[in-house]
Protein backbone atom coordinates (compact mmCIF):
# COMPACT_ATOMS: atom_id res chain seq x y z
CA MET A 1 -30.15 7.30 -2.26
CA ARG A 2 -30.68 3.74 -3.45
CA ILE A 3 -30.24 0.76 -1.14
CA PRO A 4 -26.77 -0.87 -1.42
CA ASP A 5 -26.86 -4.27 -3.13
CA TYR A 6 -24.67 -6.16 -0.66
CA ARG A 7 -25.53 -9.54 -2.13
CA LYS A 8 -24.43 -8.53 -5.62
CA ALA A 9 -21.16 -7.13 -4.26
CA LYS A 10 -20.46 -10.30 -2.29
CA GLU A 11 -21.35 -12.75 -5.06
CA THR A 12 -19.39 -10.81 -7.69
CA ALA A 13 -16.26 -10.82 -5.52
CA THR A 14 -16.70 -14.52 -4.74
CA GLN A 15 -16.92 -15.40 -8.44
CA ILE A 16 -13.60 -13.64 -9.02
CA LEU A 17 -12.00 -15.51 -6.11
CA ARG A 18 -12.99 -18.87 -7.62
CA LYS A 19 -10.62 -18.19 -10.54
CA GLN A 20 -7.52 -17.38 -8.50
CA ASP A 21 -4.33 -19.28 -7.79
CA PHE A 22 -3.71 -19.25 -4.05
CA SER A 23 -0.53 -21.32 -4.23
CA VAL A 24 1.52 -18.15 -3.88
CA VAL A 25 3.10 -16.55 -0.83
CA ASP A 26 1.44 -13.14 -0.99
CA ILE A 27 -2.17 -12.62 -1.99
CA ASP A 28 -1.95 -9.57 -4.24
CA VAL A 29 -4.97 -8.01 -5.95
CA ARG A 30 -2.68 -6.72 -8.72
CA LYS A 31 -1.81 -10.31 -9.67
CA PHE A 32 -5.35 -11.69 -9.73
CA THR A 33 -6.88 -13.07 -12.91
CA TYR A 34 -9.75 -10.90 -14.18
CA SER A 35 -12.32 -11.18 -16.95
CA LYS A 36 -12.00 -7.44 -17.53
CA ASP A 37 -8.91 -5.60 -18.80
CA ILE A 38 -7.42 -3.94 -15.71
CA ILE A 39 -4.03 -2.26 -15.34
CA PHE A 40 -2.67 -1.23 -11.94
CA ILE A 41 -0.20 1.62 -11.89
CA GLU A 42 1.32 3.86 -9.20
CA THR A 43 0.76 7.61 -9.38
CA TRP A 44 4.40 8.43 -10.21
CA ARG A 45 4.55 5.79 -12.94
CA TYR A 46 1.29 6.97 -14.51
CA CYS A 47 2.44 10.59 -14.53
CA ASP A 48 5.76 9.56 -16.03
CA CYS A 49 3.95 7.70 -18.82
CA ILE A 50 1.81 10.69 -19.79
CA GLY A 51 4.57 13.24 -19.22
CA ILE A 52 3.28 15.30 -16.30
CA SER A 53 4.48 16.02 -12.78
CA ASP A 54 3.02 13.72 -10.17
CA TRP A 55 2.93 16.35 -7.42
CA GLU A 56 -0.54 17.67 -8.23
CA LEU A 57 -1.98 14.20 -8.71
CA ARG A 58 -0.59 13.03 -5.38
CA ARG A 59 -2.09 16.07 -3.69
CA ILE A 60 -5.65 15.49 -4.92
CA LEU A 61 -5.63 11.67 -4.98
CA ASP A 62 -6.44 10.28 -1.55
CA ASP A 63 -5.87 6.57 -2.14
CA GLY A 64 -6.85 5.52 -5.65
CA CYS A 65 -9.05 6.10 -8.67
CA THR A 66 -9.97 4.36 -11.91
CA ILE A 67 -9.91 5.67 -15.49
CA HIS A 68 -11.96 3.77 -18.07
CA ASP A 69 -10.97 4.04 -21.73
CA THR A 70 -14.24 3.42 -23.55
CA LYS A 71 -12.43 2.85 -26.87
CA THR A 72 -10.18 0.04 -25.67
CA GLY A 73 -12.27 -1.11 -22.72
CA ILE A 74 -9.20 -0.92 -20.45
CA HIS A 75 -9.63 0.13 -16.82
CA THR A 76 -6.55 1.82 -15.36
CA VAL A 77 -6.41 1.80 -11.57
CA ILE A 78 -4.11 4.56 -10.32
CA TYR A 79 -3.14 4.25 -6.69
CA ASN A 80 -1.22 6.54 -4.39
CA ASP A 81 2.14 4.93 -3.70
CA ARG A 82 2.69 6.96 -0.55
CA CYS A 83 1.41 3.76 1.11
CA ASP A 84 4.78 2.01 1.15
CA GLU A 85 5.65 -1.61 1.81
CA ARG A 86 4.92 -1.17 5.52
CA ASN A 87 1.29 -0.44 4.63
CA GLN A 88 0.66 -2.98 1.89
CA GLY A 89 -2.53 -4.07 3.60
CA ARG A 90 -3.99 -0.60 3.01
CA VAL A 91 -2.84 -0.67 -0.61
CA GLN A 92 -4.54 -4.03 -1.15
CA TYR A 93 -7.83 -2.74 0.23
CA THR A 94 -7.64 0.37 -1.96
CA LEU A 95 -7.04 -1.75 -5.06
CA ALA A 96 -9.83 -4.19 -4.18
CA HIS A 97 -12.16 -1.23 -3.65
CA GLU A 98 -11.39 0.12 -7.13
CA VAL A 99 -11.89 -3.31 -8.70
CA GLY A 100 -15.27 -3.33 -6.98
CA HIS A 101 -16.26 -0.10 -8.74
CA ILE A 102 -15.25 -1.69 -12.05
CA TYR A 103 -17.13 -4.96 -11.63
CA LEU A 104 -20.22 -3.36 -10.12
CA ASP A 105 -20.45 -0.99 -13.11
CA HIS A 106 -20.35 2.18 -11.05
CA GLY A 107 -20.22 5.46 -12.91
CA ALA A 108 -17.50 8.08 -12.91
CA ASP A 109 -19.25 10.08 -10.17
CA ASP A 110 -19.39 7.54 -7.36
CA ASP A 111 -22.11 8.30 -4.83
CA ARG A 112 -22.33 7.10 -1.23
CA THR A 113 -24.11 3.88 -2.21
CA ASP A 114 -21.41 3.07 -4.76
CA GLU A 115 -18.76 3.54 -2.08
CA ILE A 116 -20.60 1.26 0.34
CA GLU A 117 -20.93 -1.45 -2.32
CA ALA A 118 -17.27 -1.15 -3.31
CA ASN A 119 -16.27 -1.55 0.33
CA ALA A 120 -18.47 -4.64 0.66
CA PHE A 121 -16.87 -6.05 -2.50
CA ALA A 122 -13.35 -5.33 -1.24
CA SER A 123 -14.01 -6.97 2.13
CA GLN A 124 -15.32 -10.12 0.47
CA LEU A 125 -12.53 -10.23 -2.14
CA LEU A 126 -9.84 -9.99 0.53
CA MET A 127 -11.54 -11.67 3.51
CA PRO A 128 -14.33 -13.98 2.30
CA GLU A 129 -16.92 -14.34 5.04
CA TYR A 130 -17.71 -18.04 4.61
CA THR A 131 -14.01 -18.87 4.73
CA ILE A 132 -13.65 -16.99 8.02
CA LEU A 133 -16.66 -18.86 9.41
CA ARG A 134 -15.12 -22.20 8.42
CA MET A 135 -11.83 -21.19 10.03
CA TYR A 136 -13.66 -20.65 13.29
CA ASN A 137 -15.68 -23.87 13.02
CA GLU A 138 -12.69 -26.05 12.14
CA TYR A 139 -9.99 -24.59 14.37
CA GLY A 140 -11.96 -23.19 17.28
CA TYR A 141 -10.87 -19.58 16.97
CA VAL A 142 -10.28 -16.81 14.50
CA ASN A 143 -8.75 -13.49 15.41
CA GLN A 144 -7.25 -10.32 13.97
CA GLY A 145 -3.80 -11.87 13.58
CA ALA A 146 -5.07 -14.94 11.72
CA ILE A 147 -7.05 -12.89 9.19
CA SER A 148 -4.20 -10.41 8.68
CA ALA A 149 -1.58 -13.10 8.07
CA ILE A 150 -3.64 -15.44 5.89
CA PHE A 151 -5.25 -12.83 3.65
CA GLY A 152 -2.51 -10.17 3.64
CA VAL A 153 -4.64 -7.32 4.97
CA SER A 154 -3.94 -4.70 7.61
CA LYS A 155 -4.80 -5.54 11.20
CA SER A 156 -7.33 -2.71 11.31
CA ALA A 157 -9.12 -4.10 8.23
CA ALA A 158 -9.05 -7.57 9.79
CA GLN A 159 -10.59 -6.28 13.02
CA ASN A 160 -13.25 -4.32 11.14
CA ARG A 161 -14.20 -7.47 9.25
CA LEU A 162 -14.43 -9.47 12.46
CA ASP A 163 -16.56 -6.81 14.15
CA SER A 164 -18.87 -6.68 11.14
CA LEU A 165 -19.35 -10.45 11.08
CA LYS A 166 -20.02 -10.57 14.82
CA ARG A 167 -22.95 -8.20 14.33
CA ARG A 168 -24.49 -10.51 11.75
CA LYS A 169 -27.10 -13.08 12.80
CA GLY A 170 -26.05 -15.38 9.98
CA ILE A 171 -24.53 -15.43 6.51
CA TYR A 172 -25.75 -16.54 3.11
CA TYR A 173 -23.46 -18.86 1.18
CA ASN A 174 -23.56 -21.11 -1.85
CA GLN A 175 -21.28 -23.53 -3.70
CA ASP A 176 -19.04 -20.70 -4.91
CA ASP A 177 -18.25 -19.80 -1.30
CA ILE A 178 -17.46 -23.42 -0.49
CA ASP A 179 -15.19 -23.66 -3.55
CA VAL A 180 -13.29 -20.55 -2.45
CA TYR A 181 -12.68 -22.05 0.96
CA GLU A 182 -11.36 -25.23 -0.61
CA LEU A 183 -8.95 -23.19 -2.75
CA GLN A 184 -7.54 -21.59 0.39
CA ARG A 185 -7.81 -24.58 2.72
CA GLU A 186 -4.10 -25.48 2.53
CA ARG A 187 -2.98 -21.92 3.29
CA ILE A 188 -5.32 -21.79 6.25
CA ALA A 189 -4.21 -25.15 7.60
CA MET A 190 -0.57 -24.05 7.40
CA PHE A 191 -1.33 -20.97 9.48
CA TYR A 192 -2.97 -22.95 12.23
CA GLU A 193 -0.11 -25.47 12.14
CA SER A 194 2.35 -22.63 12.76
CA ARG A 195 2.98 -20.96 16.09
CA ASN A 196 3.77 -17.53 14.66
CA ASP A 197 3.80 -15.53 11.44
CA ILE A 198 7.47 -16.30 10.71
CA ALA A 199 6.87 -20.04 10.85
CA TYR A 200 3.78 -19.60 8.67
CA TYR A 201 5.66 -17.77 5.92
CA ARG A 202 8.46 -20.33 6.03
CA LEU A 203 5.87 -23.04 5.41
CA LEU A 204 4.38 -21.05 2.54
CA TYR A 205 7.74 -20.58 0.84
CA THR A 206 8.62 -24.24 1.30
CA ARG A 207 5.28 -25.72 0.27
CA PHE A 208 4.62 -23.42 -2.69
CA ALA A 209 8.19 -22.99 -3.98
CA ASP A 210 7.56 -24.52 -7.43
CA GLU A 211 4.25 -22.70 -7.90
CA ILE A 212 5.85 -19.39 -6.92
CA THR A 213 8.60 -19.76 -9.53
CA LYS A 214 6.09 -20.58 -12.29
CA PHE A 215 3.87 -17.67 -11.25
CA GLU A 216 6.74 -15.16 -11.24
CA ASN A 217 7.92 -16.31 -14.67
CA ARG A 218 4.41 -15.84 -16.02
CA LEU A 219 4.32 -12.32 -14.59
CA LYS A 220 7.62 -11.46 -16.28
CA VAL A 221 6.26 -12.53 -19.65
CA THR A 222 3.08 -10.50 -19.10
CA ALA A 223 5.00 -7.39 -18.00
CA ALA A 224 7.31 -7.61 -21.02
CA SER A 225 4.29 -7.54 -23.35
CA MET A 226 2.67 -4.50 -21.70
CA SER A 227 3.11 -0.96 -22.91
CA PHE A 228 1.49 2.36 -22.10
């Protein structure tokens, strides 16, 4: 078993984050900008497109998987939609994990090291470590609730990230990490200005109203041009 390349996983995820628009209410991996051709599709929708029953696929698919079409270069991430809106944090982590496999050039038969690297990538993509450190330094505390609300992850994922960072003696960071924090600075400041999650989301909707409308219109145009 080869040694996991944590640094590559972290830096690759950070480079992707530098290209994102965080002036939106919900941080959604499916709406990120990527340099690779990636399509996200639920199990039932995928099965409907290829004309098969989704029962068998749901049974064998735990959370998600990726199919790479070598002719077109398109990566299709199929994810189990049994994780409904109440568990969107879990869905986001699953999707980020699959994107990690794509960007880290893992093969079809993922081994244990590949899984560890994809998890490291997903954690950084959703909860960048330098940003969390800056949150603590600037506001005096960072907890499970803050990470969950700001980054749109489950509370269990937020706690796991905190526990992992607490075990570290230090972190490596560069200008890319600083740039990512600056991109998210306003979102973070709004959270700490708010007394609860409801007030935070009200601020997001108010502050980013124009950006949200433009973003949603762009998504509609993109969706209209897609076909399977």
